């Protein structure tokens, strides 16, 4: 029998091999990172899902887990002055260094027309890096872990959901931080769900 006519032994096209190799290379020795998402303008759920999808479409980045959606009052302002937030936390693996990940987060914010007019102002989307591996850095451009993550229930509750054993580098276990902060005002929206990208 002539094996070249046997359809089961067709060679794999070079383009497919290249794609597979490229995919492998992108995530050789990936780092763990944790990202929080928040939105209180426009279609909040759609915007959060769009941000999750945009993260997944980033070369060298894979979304590994997405938390439930929580609804919270806006932080640092009169709750009646702006709409409630939808918040979620995303676990990723990435080969991007922290500064490139930060740039990607800003690019996603810009794509959703995030406006930075005022501190704690309303926003279509907020993309914050909570932690990157065990890195502790006080670089003013990107402080790691996020300087206020350990005291914010709207971050700690969904983070604990996706990674109950998580640690905030230099601050301790998320579970312990959450028990001291409490989860008052952080309401799970069981009627809403963010999908993990296919």
N, C-alpha and C. Protein backbone atom coordinates (compact mmCIF):
# COMPACT_ATOMS: atom_id res chain seq x y z
N UNK A 1 0.85 -1.20 0.00
CA UNK A 1 0.00 0.00 0.00
C UNK A 1 0.88 1.24 0.00
N UNK A 2 0.51 2.20 -0.79
CA UNK A 2 1.28 3.44 -0.89
C UNK A 2 0.81 4.41 0.20
N UNK A 3 1.68 4.66 1.19
CA UNK A 3 1.24 5.48 2.32
C UNK A 3 0.95 6.92 1.91
N UNK A 4 1.55 7.40 0.82
CA UNK A 4 1.32 8.81 0.45
C UNK A 4 -0.13 9.05 0.06
N UNK A 5 -0.86 7.97 -0.32
CA UNK A 5 -2.27 8.16 -0.67
C UNK A 5 -3.18 7.94 0.54
N UNK A 6 -2.61 7.55 1.65
CA UNK A 6 -3.42 7.33 2.84
C UNK A 6 -3.67 8.68 3.53
N UNK A 7 -4.94 9.11 3.58
CA UNK A 7 -5.23 10.44 4.11
C UNK A 7 -4.86 10.60 5.58
N UNK A 8 -4.68 9.51 6.29
CA UNK A 8 -4.36 9.65 7.71
C UNK A 8 -2.91 10.01 7.95
N UNK A 9 -2.07 9.94 6.93
CA UNK A 9 -0.67 10.27 7.14
C UNK A 9 -0.27 11.52 6.36
N UNK A 10 -1.25 12.40 6.15
CA UNK A 10 -0.92 13.67 5.51
C UNK A 10 0.05 14.45 6.40
N UNK A 11 1.05 15.09 5.80
CA UNK A 11 1.92 15.91 6.65
C UNK A 11 1.15 17.11 7.21
N UNK A 12 1.53 17.52 8.40
CA UNK A 12 0.90 18.70 9.01
C UNK A 12 1.43 19.94 8.28
N UNK A 13 0.54 20.81 7.79
CA UNK A 13 1.02 22.00 7.07
C UNK A 13 2.00 22.81 7.92
N UNK A 14 3.02 23.34 7.27
CA UNK A 14 4.06 24.10 7.98
C UNK A 14 3.46 25.26 8.77
N UNK A 15 2.42 25.89 8.20
CA UNK A 15 1.83 27.05 8.88
C UNK A 15 1.24 26.65 10.23
N UNK A 16 0.65 25.45 10.29
CA UNK A 16 0.06 24.96 11.54
C UNK A 16 1.18 24.68 12.55
N UNK A 17 2.25 24.06 12.08
CA UNK A 17 3.39 23.78 12.96
C UNK A 17 3.92 25.09 13.53
N UNK A 18 4.05 26.10 12.69
CA UNK A 18 4.55 27.40 13.14
C UNK A 18 3.63 27.99 14.22
N UNK A 19 2.32 27.90 13.98
CA UNK A 19 1.36 28.44 14.95
C UNK A 19 1.49 27.73 16.29
N UNK A 20 1.59 26.42 16.24
CA UNK A 20 1.69 25.64 17.48
C UNK A 20 2.99 25.99 18.20
N UNK A 21 4.09 26.05 17.43
CA UNK A 21 5.37 26.40 18.03
C UNK A 21 5.32 27.80 18.65
N UNK A 22 4.70 28.73 17.93
CA UNK A 22 4.61 30.11 18.42
C UNK A 22 3.79 30.14 19.71
N UNK A 23 2.71 29.37 19.75
CA UNK A 23 1.86 29.34 20.95
C UNK A 23 2.65 28.78 22.13
N UNK A 24 3.47 27.75 21.84
CA UNK A 24 4.28 27.17 22.91
C UNK A 24 5.30 28.17 23.42
N UNK A 25 5.94 28.87 22.48
CA UNK A 25 6.99 29.82 22.85
C UNK A 25 6.40 30.96 23.67
N UNK A 26 5.18 31.41 23.28
CA UNK A 26 4.61 32.57 23.99
C UNK A 26 4.47 32.29 25.47
N UNK A 27 4.16 31.05 25.81
CA UNK A 27 3.93 30.80 27.23
C UNK A 27 4.95 29.82 27.81
N UNK A 28 6.19 29.91 27.33
CA UNK A 28 7.21 29.12 28.01
C UNK A 28 7.57 29.89 29.29
N UNK A 29 7.58 29.17 30.39
CA UNK A 29 7.87 29.76 31.70
C UNK A 29 6.98 30.97 32.02
N UNK A 30 5.66 30.80 31.97
CA UNK A 30 4.78 31.94 32.23
C UNK A 30 4.78 32.33 33.71
N UNK A 31 4.42 33.58 33.96
CA UNK A 31 4.30 34.10 35.32
C UNK A 31 2.81 34.24 35.68
N UNK A 32 2.51 34.10 36.96
CA UNK A 32 1.14 34.28 37.43
C UNK A 32 0.90 35.75 37.73
N UNK A 33 -0.25 36.24 37.35
CA UNK A 33 -0.62 37.60 37.71
C UNK A 33 -2.11 37.64 38.01
N UNK A 34 -2.50 38.64 38.79
CA UNK A 34 -3.90 38.80 39.20
C UNK A 34 -4.32 40.21 38.80
N UNK A 35 -5.46 40.29 38.11
CA UNK A 35 -5.94 41.58 37.61
C UNK A 35 -7.36 41.81 38.10
N UNK A 36 -7.63 43.04 38.55
CA UNK A 36 -9.01 43.37 38.92
C UNK A 36 -9.62 44.24 37.83
N UNK A 37 -10.91 44.03 37.63
CA UNK A 37 -11.69 44.79 36.65
C UNK A 37 -12.85 45.45 37.37
N UNK A 38 -13.13 46.70 37.02
CA UNK A 38 -14.27 47.39 37.59
C UNK A 38 -14.91 48.29 36.55
N UNK A 39 -16.23 48.41 36.59
CA UNK A 39 -16.95 49.26 35.63
C UNK A 39 -18.20 49.82 36.29
N UNK A 40 -18.44 51.14 36.11
CA UNK A 40 -19.72 51.67 36.61
C UNK A 40 -20.38 52.63 35.62
N UNK A 41 -19.97 52.55 34.36
CA UNK A 41 -20.65 53.33 33.32
C UNK A 41 -21.00 52.43 32.15
N UNK A 42 -22.10 52.75 31.47
CA UNK A 42 -22.48 51.99 30.28
C UNK A 42 -22.96 50.59 30.65
N UNK A 43 -22.84 49.67 29.69
CA UNK A 43 -23.22 48.28 29.94
C UNK A 43 -22.07 47.60 30.69
N UNK A 44 -22.18 47.59 32.01
CA UNK A 44 -21.05 47.19 32.85
C UNK A 44 -20.63 45.74 32.61
N UNK A 45 -21.60 44.83 32.50
CA UNK A 45 -21.25 43.42 32.30
C UNK A 45 -20.58 43.23 30.95
N UNK A 46 -21.14 43.85 29.93
CA UNK A 46 -20.58 43.72 28.57
C UNK A 46 -19.14 44.26 28.55
N UNK A 47 -18.92 45.35 29.25
CA UNK A 47 -17.58 45.94 29.29
C UNK A 47 -16.60 45.03 30.01
N UNK A 48 -17.01 44.46 31.14
CA UNK A 48 -16.12 43.53 31.85
C UNK A 48 -15.80 42.33 30.97
N UNK A 49 -16.80 41.80 30.28
CA UNK A 49 -16.55 40.65 29.40
C UNK A 49 -15.61 41.05 28.27
N UNK A 50 -15.81 42.25 27.74
CA UNK A 50 -14.92 42.73 26.67
C UNK A 50 -13.49 42.83 27.15
N UNK A 51 -13.29 43.26 28.39
CA UNK A 51 -11.94 43.36 28.94
C UNK A 51 -11.32 41.98 29.13
N UNK A 52 -12.11 41.01 29.61
CA UNK A 52 -11.61 39.63 29.75
C UNK A 52 -11.18 39.10 28.38
N UNK A 53 -12.03 39.32 27.37
CA UNK A 53 -11.71 38.83 26.02
C UNK A 53 -10.47 39.52 25.47
N UNK A 54 -10.34 40.82 25.74
CA UNK A 54 -9.17 41.56 25.24
C UNK A 54 -7.89 41.07 25.91
N UNK A 55 -7.97 40.71 27.19
CA UNK A 55 -6.80 40.13 27.86
C UNK A 55 -6.41 38.82 27.18
N UNK A 56 -7.39 37.96 26.93
CA UNK A 56 -7.12 36.66 26.31
C UNK A 56 -6.51 36.82 24.92
N UNK A 57 -6.90 37.89 24.22
CA UNK A 57 -6.38 38.10 22.85
C UNK A 57 -4.97 38.68 22.85
N UNK A 58 -4.44 38.98 24.02
CA UNK A 58 -3.09 39.55 24.12
C UNK A 58 -2.05 38.45 23.90
N UNK A 59 -1.13 38.65 22.95
CA UNK A 59 -0.07 37.64 22.76
C UNK A 59 0.73 37.46 24.05
N UNK A 60 1.02 36.20 24.36
CA UNK A 60 1.79 35.93 25.57
C UNK A 60 0.98 36.00 26.84
N UNK A 61 -0.33 35.89 26.73
CA UNK A 61 -1.18 35.98 27.93
C UNK A 61 -2.34 35.00 27.79
N UNK A 62 -2.63 34.28 28.86
CA UNK A 62 -3.77 33.37 28.88
C UNK A 62 -4.58 33.63 30.15
N UNK A 63 -5.89 33.76 29.97
CA UNK A 63 -6.79 33.91 31.12
C UNK A 63 -7.07 32.52 31.68
N UNK A 64 -6.78 32.32 32.96
CA UNK A 64 -6.93 31.00 33.57
C UNK A 64 -8.19 30.87 34.41
N UNK A 65 -8.67 31.97 34.99
CA UNK A 65 -9.88 31.91 35.82
C UNK A 65 -10.49 33.30 35.93
N UNK A 66 -11.82 33.32 36.02
CA UNK A 66 -12.55 34.58 36.17
C UNK A 66 -13.50 34.43 37.35
N UNK A 67 -13.52 35.43 38.22
CA UNK A 67 -14.35 35.36 39.42
C UNK A 67 -15.83 35.62 39.08
N UNK A 68 -16.71 35.35 40.05
CA UNK A 68 -18.08 35.85 39.91
C UNK A 68 -18.08 37.38 39.84
N UNK A 69 -19.22 37.92 39.42
CA UNK A 69 -19.38 39.38 39.34
C UNK A 69 -19.96 39.88 40.67
N UNK A 70 -19.39 40.95 41.18
CA UNK A 70 -19.89 41.57 42.42
C UNK A 70 -20.32 43.00 42.13
N UNK A 71 -21.32 43.44 42.86
CA UNK A 71 -21.77 44.83 42.75
C UNK A 71 -21.41 45.55 44.05
N UNK A 72 -20.81 46.72 43.90
CA UNK A 72 -20.35 47.47 45.07
C UNK A 72 -20.61 48.96 44.87
N UNK A 73 -20.75 49.67 45.98
CA UNK A 73 -20.88 51.13 45.91
C UNK A 73 -19.54 51.72 45.48
N UNK A 74 -19.55 52.88 44.82
CA UNK A 74 -18.29 53.51 44.42
C UNK A 74 -17.42 53.84 45.62
N UNK A 75 -16.10 53.76 45.43
CA UNK A 75 -15.12 53.91 46.50
C UNK A 75 -14.71 55.38 46.61
N UNK A 76 -14.63 55.89 47.83
CA UNK A 76 -14.03 57.20 48.05
C UNK A 76 -14.92 58.39 47.74
N UNK A 77 -16.17 58.14 47.36
CA UNK A 77 -17.09 59.24 47.03
C UNK A 77 -18.47 58.96 47.63
N UNK A 78 -19.34 59.94 47.60
CA UNK A 78 -20.72 59.76 48.03
C UNK A 78 -21.38 58.72 47.12
N UNK A 79 -21.86 57.60 47.68
CA UNK A 79 -22.45 56.53 46.84
C UNK A 79 -23.56 57.03 45.93
N UNK A 80 -24.24 58.11 46.34
CA UNK A 80 -25.35 58.60 45.50
C UNK A 80 -24.85 59.41 44.30
N UNK A 81 -23.53 59.70 44.28
CA UNK A 81 -23.01 60.60 43.25
C UNK A 81 -22.70 59.90 41.93
N UNK A 82 -22.62 58.57 41.94
CA UNK A 82 -22.34 57.83 40.70
C UNK A 82 -22.88 56.41 40.82
N UNK A 83 -23.01 55.73 39.67
CA UNK A 83 -23.60 54.38 39.69
C UNK A 83 -22.73 53.37 40.45
N UNK A 84 -23.37 52.26 40.85
CA UNK A 84 -22.64 51.18 41.51
C UNK A 84 -21.69 50.51 40.52
N UNK A 85 -20.67 49.90 41.07
CA UNK A 85 -19.67 49.20 40.25
C UNK A 85 -20.01 47.73 40.10
N UNK A 86 -19.63 47.15 38.97
CA UNK A 86 -19.46 45.72 38.84
C UNK A 86 -17.96 45.45 38.94
N UNK A 87 -17.58 44.49 39.78
CA UNK A 87 -16.17 44.15 39.97
C UNK A 87 -15.95 42.67 39.74
N UNK A 88 -14.76 42.34 39.25
CA UNK A 88 -14.35 40.94 39.09
C UNK A 88 -12.83 40.87 39.15
N UNK A 89 -12.34 39.68 39.41
CA UNK A 89 -10.89 39.44 39.43
C UNK A 89 -10.57 38.31 38.45
N UNK A 90 -9.47 38.49 37.72
CA UNK A 90 -9.06 37.56 36.68
C UNK A 90 -7.67 37.03 37.02
N UNK A 91 -7.50 35.71 36.97
CA UNK A 91 -6.17 35.11 37.11
C UNK A 91 -5.62 34.87 35.72
N UNK A 92 -4.37 35.28 35.50
CA UNK A 92 -3.77 35.07 34.18
C UNK A 92 -2.40 34.41 34.34
N UNK A 93 -1.95 33.81 33.24
CA UNK A 93 -0.55 33.42 33.12
C UNK A 93 0.00 34.19 31.92
N UNK A 94 1.20 34.72 32.08
CA UNK A 94 1.71 35.58 31.02
C UNK A 94 3.22 35.54 30.97
N UNK A 95 3.76 35.77 29.78
CA UNK A 95 5.20 35.95 29.63
C UNK A 95 5.55 37.43 29.53
N UNK A 96 4.53 38.29 29.58
CA UNK A 96 4.79 39.72 29.54
C UNK A 96 5.40 40.18 30.86
N UNK A 97 6.39 41.07 30.82
CA UNK A 97 6.87 41.66 32.07
C UNK A 97 5.82 42.62 32.62
N UNK A 98 5.92 42.98 33.89
CA UNK A 98 4.88 43.82 34.51
C UNK A 98 4.59 45.12 33.75
N UNK A 99 5.64 45.80 33.25
CA UNK A 99 5.37 47.09 32.59
C UNK A 99 4.61 46.90 31.29
N UNK A 100 4.87 45.80 30.58
CA UNK A 100 4.10 45.53 29.35
C UNK A 100 2.66 45.17 29.68
N UNK A 101 2.48 44.46 30.78
CA UNK A 101 1.13 44.11 31.22
C UNK A 101 0.36 45.38 31.59
N UNK A 102 1.05 46.32 32.24
CA UNK A 102 0.43 47.60 32.59
C UNK A 102 0.01 48.36 31.33
N UNK A 103 0.90 48.37 30.33
CA UNK A 103 0.57 49.06 29.06
C UNK A 103 -0.65 48.41 28.41
N UNK A 104 -0.73 47.09 28.46
CA UNK A 104 -1.88 46.40 27.88
C UNK A 104 -3.15 46.78 28.63
N UNK A 105 -3.07 46.86 29.96
CA UNK A 105 -4.22 47.28 30.75
C UNK A 105 -4.69 48.67 30.37
N UNK A 106 -3.74 49.60 30.19
CA UNK A 106 -4.10 50.96 29.78
C UNK A 106 -4.70 50.98 28.39
N UNK A 107 -4.18 50.13 27.50
CA UNK A 107 -4.72 50.07 26.13
C UNK A 107 -6.17 49.57 26.14
N UNK A 108 -6.45 48.61 27.01
CA UNK A 108 -7.83 48.11 27.13
C UNK A 108 -8.73 49.22 27.67
N UNK A 109 -8.25 49.95 28.67
CA UNK A 109 -9.04 51.06 29.21
C UNK A 109 -9.33 52.08 28.12
N UNK A 110 -8.32 52.40 27.32
CA UNK A 110 -8.51 53.39 26.25
C UNK A 110 -9.49 52.88 25.21
N UNK A 111 -9.43 51.58 24.91
CA UNK A 111 -10.34 51.01 23.92
C UNK A 111 -11.80 51.16 24.37
N UNK A 112 -12.01 51.14 25.68
CA UNK A 112 -13.37 51.32 26.21
C UNK A 112 -13.62 52.77 26.63
N UNK A 113 -12.73 53.66 26.15
CA UNK A 113 -12.90 55.11 26.35
C UNK A 113 -12.95 55.48 27.82
N UNK A 114 -12.05 54.88 28.58
CA UNK A 114 -11.90 55.25 29.99
C UNK A 114 -11.37 56.69 30.05
N UNK A 115 -11.99 57.51 30.87
CA UNK A 115 -11.57 58.90 31.04
C UNK A 115 -11.02 59.07 32.44
N UNK A 116 -9.82 59.66 32.55
CA UNK A 116 -9.19 59.85 33.87
C UNK A 116 -9.27 61.33 34.26
N UNK A 117 -10.47 61.82 34.47
CA UNK A 117 -10.64 63.24 34.82
C UNK A 117 -10.42 63.49 36.30
N UNK A 118 -10.89 62.58 37.12
CA UNK A 118 -10.86 62.83 38.55
C UNK A 118 -10.54 61.54 39.29
N UNK A 119 -9.88 61.69 40.43
CA UNK A 119 -9.59 60.50 41.24
C UNK A 119 -10.91 59.92 41.74
N UNK A 120 -11.02 58.60 41.65
CA UNK A 120 -12.23 57.88 42.05
C UNK A 120 -13.46 58.33 41.26
N UNK A 121 -13.24 58.91 40.08
CA UNK A 121 -14.37 59.29 39.23
C UNK A 121 -14.97 58.05 38.59
N UNK A 122 -16.17 58.18 38.02
CA UNK A 122 -16.79 57.04 37.35
C UNK A 122 -15.95 56.63 36.14
N UNK A 123 -15.99 55.34 35.80
CA UNK A 123 -15.23 54.91 34.62
C UNK A 123 -15.90 53.73 33.94
N UNK A 124 -15.73 53.70 32.61
CA UNK A 124 -16.27 52.57 31.86
C UNK A 124 -15.55 51.29 32.25
N UNK A 125 -14.22 51.39 32.44
CA UNK A 125 -13.48 50.20 32.84
C UNK A 125 -12.21 50.61 33.58
N UNK A 126 -11.91 49.85 34.60
CA UNK A 126 -10.69 50.04 35.37
C UNK A 126 -9.97 48.70 35.33
N UNK A 127 -8.72 48.69 34.87
CA UNK A 127 -7.93 47.46 34.80
C UNK A 127 -6.71 47.66 35.69
N UNK A 128 -6.67 46.95 36.82
CA UNK A 128 -5.57 47.12 37.77
C UNK A 128 -4.83 45.80 37.96
N UNK A 129 -3.51 45.88 37.98
CA UNK A 129 -2.70 44.70 38.30
C UNK A 129 -2.61 44.63 39.83
N UNK A 130 -3.18 43.57 40.40
CA UNK A 130 -3.15 43.41 41.86
C UNK A 130 -1.83 42.81 42.31
N UNK A 131 -1.35 41.81 41.56
CA UNK A 131 -0.12 41.13 41.93
C UNK A 131 0.49 40.48 40.69
N UNK A 132 1.81 40.36 40.73
CA UNK A 132 2.56 39.71 39.64
C UNK A 132 3.58 38.81 40.32
N UNK A 133 3.36 37.47 40.20
CA UNK A 133 4.18 36.50 40.94
C UNK A 133 4.26 36.94 42.39
N UNK A 134 5.48 36.95 42.93
CA UNK A 134 5.68 37.40 44.31
C UNK A 134 6.41 38.74 44.33
N UNK A 135 6.32 39.47 43.23
CA UNK A 135 7.09 40.72 43.09
C UNK A 135 6.58 41.77 44.08
N UNK A 136 7.51 42.39 44.78
CA UNK A 136 7.21 43.54 45.62
C UNK A 136 8.05 44.70 45.09
N UNK A 137 7.39 45.75 44.64
CA UNK A 137 8.09 46.88 44.02
C UNK A 137 7.37 48.17 44.37
N UNK A 138 8.15 49.21 44.71
CA UNK A 138 7.52 50.50 45.01
C UNK A 138 7.71 51.49 43.87
N UNK A 139 7.92 50.96 42.66
CA UNK A 139 8.00 51.82 41.48
C UNK A 139 6.71 52.64 41.39
N UNK A 140 6.80 53.98 41.35
CA UNK A 140 5.57 54.79 41.35
C UNK A 140 4.68 54.54 40.14
N UNK A 141 5.27 54.09 39.03
CA UNK A 141 4.45 53.84 37.83
C UNK A 141 3.61 52.57 38.01
N UNK A 142 4.19 51.58 38.66
CA UNK A 142 3.46 50.32 38.90
C UNK A 142 3.94 49.75 40.23
N UNK A 143 3.19 50.04 41.29
CA UNK A 143 3.51 49.51 42.61
C UNK A 143 2.94 48.10 42.73
N UNK A 144 3.78 47.15 43.12
CA UNK A 144 3.35 45.76 43.27
C UNK A 144 3.66 45.26 44.67
N UNK A 145 2.70 44.53 45.29
CA UNK A 145 1.32 44.38 44.83
C UNK A 145 0.60 45.73 44.85
N UNK A 146 -0.61 45.77 44.32
CA UNK A 146 -1.38 47.02 44.29
C UNK A 146 -1.44 47.59 45.72
N UNK A 147 -1.12 48.88 45.87
CA UNK A 147 -0.94 49.43 47.22
C UNK A 147 -2.18 49.41 48.11
N UNK A 148 -3.37 49.28 47.52
CA UNK A 148 -4.57 49.27 48.36
C UNK A 148 -5.37 47.97 48.25
N UNK A 149 -4.84 47.00 47.52
CA UNK A 149 -5.57 45.74 47.33
C UNK A 149 -5.91 45.08 48.67
N UNK A 150 -4.98 45.13 49.61
CA UNK A 150 -5.15 44.39 50.87
C UNK A 150 -6.23 44.98 51.77
N UNK A 151 -6.73 46.19 51.44
CA UNK A 151 -7.74 46.80 52.31
C UNK A 151 -9.08 47.00 51.62
N UNK A 152 -9.22 46.45 50.42
CA UNK A 152 -10.46 46.66 49.66
C UNK A 152 -11.24 45.36 49.51
N UNK A 153 -12.40 45.33 50.13
CA UNK A 153 -13.21 44.11 50.08
C UNK A 153 -13.62 43.78 48.64
N UNK A 154 -13.87 44.81 47.81
CA UNK A 154 -14.33 44.54 46.44
C UNK A 154 -13.24 43.89 45.59
N UNK A 155 -12.00 43.92 46.07
CA UNK A 155 -10.89 43.20 45.43
C UNK A 155 -10.70 41.84 46.09
N UNK A 156 -10.69 41.83 47.42
CA UNK A 156 -10.37 40.61 48.16
C UNK A 156 -11.43 39.52 48.01
N UNK A 157 -12.72 39.91 47.96
CA UNK A 157 -13.79 38.91 47.86
C UNK A 157 -13.68 38.11 46.56
N UNK A 158 -13.66 38.78 45.39
CA UNK A 158 -13.53 37.98 44.16
C UNK A 158 -12.17 37.30 44.02
N UNK A 159 -11.11 37.90 44.54
CA UNK A 159 -9.78 37.27 44.49
C UNK A 159 -9.82 35.96 45.26
N UNK A 160 -10.44 35.98 46.45
CA UNK A 160 -10.55 34.76 47.25
C UNK A 160 -11.38 33.70 46.52
N UNK A 161 -12.39 34.14 45.76
CA UNK A 161 -13.21 33.18 44.99
C UNK A 161 -12.37 32.40 43.99
N UNK A 162 -11.50 33.11 43.26
CA UNK A 162 -10.76 32.43 42.19
C UNK A 162 -9.50 31.74 42.70
N UNK A 163 -9.02 32.13 43.89
CA UNK A 163 -7.81 31.52 44.42
C UNK A 163 -7.84 31.59 45.95
N UNK A 164 -8.53 30.62 46.59
CA UNK A 164 -8.71 30.67 48.05
C UNK A 164 -7.40 30.64 48.83
N UNK A 165 -6.32 30.13 48.19
CA UNK A 165 -5.02 30.04 48.87
C UNK A 165 -4.14 31.25 48.59
N UNK A 166 -4.65 32.24 47.88
CA UNK A 166 -3.82 33.35 47.39
C UNK A 166 -3.17 34.13 48.53
N UNK A 167 -2.00 34.67 48.20
CA UNK A 167 -1.27 35.54 49.12
C UNK A 167 -1.10 36.91 48.44
N UNK A 168 -1.23 37.96 49.22
CA UNK A 168 -0.84 39.28 48.74
C UNK A 168 0.62 39.46 49.15
N UNK A 169 1.55 39.49 48.19
CA UNK A 169 2.97 39.53 48.55
C UNK A 169 3.26 40.62 49.58
N UNK A 170 3.90 40.21 50.67
CA UNK A 170 4.28 41.17 51.71
C UNK A 170 3.15 41.55 52.65
N UNK A 171 1.92 41.08 52.37
CA UNK A 171 0.77 41.47 53.19
C UNK A 171 0.09 40.29 53.87
N UNK A 172 0.25 39.09 53.30
CA UNK A 172 -0.36 37.91 53.92
C UNK A 172 -1.44 37.29 53.06
N UNK A 173 -2.11 36.31 53.64
CA UNK A 173 -3.12 35.53 52.91
C UNK A 173 -4.36 36.37 52.63
N UNK A 174 -4.88 36.24 51.42
CA UNK A 174 -6.11 36.95 51.05
C UNK A 174 -7.23 36.60 52.02
N UNK A 175 -7.33 35.32 52.39
CA UNK A 175 -8.41 34.89 53.29
C UNK A 175 -8.34 35.64 54.62
N UNK A 176 -7.13 35.79 55.17
CA UNK A 176 -6.98 36.49 56.46
C UNK A 176 -7.25 37.98 56.31
N UNK A 177 -6.74 38.57 55.23
CA UNK A 177 -6.99 39.99 54.99
C UNK A 177 -8.48 40.25 54.86
N UNK A 178 -9.17 39.34 54.16
CA UNK A 178 -10.60 39.49 53.95
C UNK A 178 -11.36 39.38 55.27
N UNK A 179 -10.92 38.47 56.14
CA UNK A 179 -11.64 38.32 57.42
C UNK A 179 -11.48 39.57 58.27
N UNK A 180 -10.35 40.28 58.14
CA UNK A 180 -10.18 41.50 58.94
C UNK A 180 -10.90 42.69 58.31
N UNK A 181 -10.99 42.72 56.98
CA UNK A 181 -11.66 43.84 56.28
C UNK A 181 -13.18 43.64 56.31
N UNK A 182 -13.61 42.37 56.16
CA UNK A 182 -15.04 42.08 56.06
C UNK A 182 -15.53 42.28 54.64
N UNK A 183 -16.69 41.75 54.33
CA UNK A 183 -17.21 41.81 52.96
C UNK A 183 -18.49 42.64 52.86
N UNK A 184 -18.70 43.51 53.83
CA UNK A 184 -19.91 44.34 53.81
C UNK A 184 -19.95 45.20 52.55
N UNK A 185 -21.12 45.27 51.94
CA UNK A 185 -21.29 46.12 50.77
C UNK A 185 -20.84 45.51 49.46
N UNK A 186 -20.34 44.26 49.51
CA UNK A 186 -19.89 43.57 48.30
C UNK A 186 -20.90 42.46 48.01
N UNK A 187 -21.74 42.68 47.02
CA UNK A 187 -22.87 41.78 46.77
C UNK A 187 -22.65 40.98 45.49
N UNK A 188 -22.67 39.65 45.62
CA UNK A 188 -22.50 38.82 44.44
C UNK A 188 -23.74 38.89 43.57
N UNK A 189 -23.54 39.10 42.26
CA UNK A 189 -24.64 39.11 41.31
C UNK A 189 -24.74 37.71 40.70
N UNK A 190 -25.51 36.85 41.37
CA UNK A 190 -25.60 35.47 40.92
C UNK A 190 -26.34 35.36 39.58
N UNK A 191 -27.01 36.44 39.19
CA UNK A 191 -27.73 36.44 37.91
C UNK A 191 -26.82 36.78 36.73
N UNK A 192 -25.58 37.16 37.03
CA UNK A 192 -24.64 37.56 35.98
C UNK A 192 -23.43 36.65 35.98
N UNK A 193 -22.81 36.52 34.81
CA UNK A 193 -21.64 35.63 34.74
C UNK A 193 -20.70 36.12 33.65
N UNK A 194 -19.42 36.10 33.95
CA UNK A 194 -18.40 36.35 32.94
C UNK A 194 -17.93 35.00 32.39
N UNK A 195 -17.81 34.92 31.09
CA UNK A 195 -17.37 33.67 30.45
C UNK A 195 -15.86 33.67 30.31
N UNK A 196 -15.29 32.49 30.57
CA UNK A 196 -13.87 32.32 30.22
C UNK A 196 -13.78 32.25 28.69
N UNK A 197 -12.80 32.93 28.09
CA UNK A 197 -12.67 32.85 26.64
C UNK A 197 -12.51 31.40 26.19
N UNK A 198 -13.01 31.11 25.00
CA UNK A 198 -12.94 29.73 24.46
C UNK A 198 -11.49 29.30 24.30
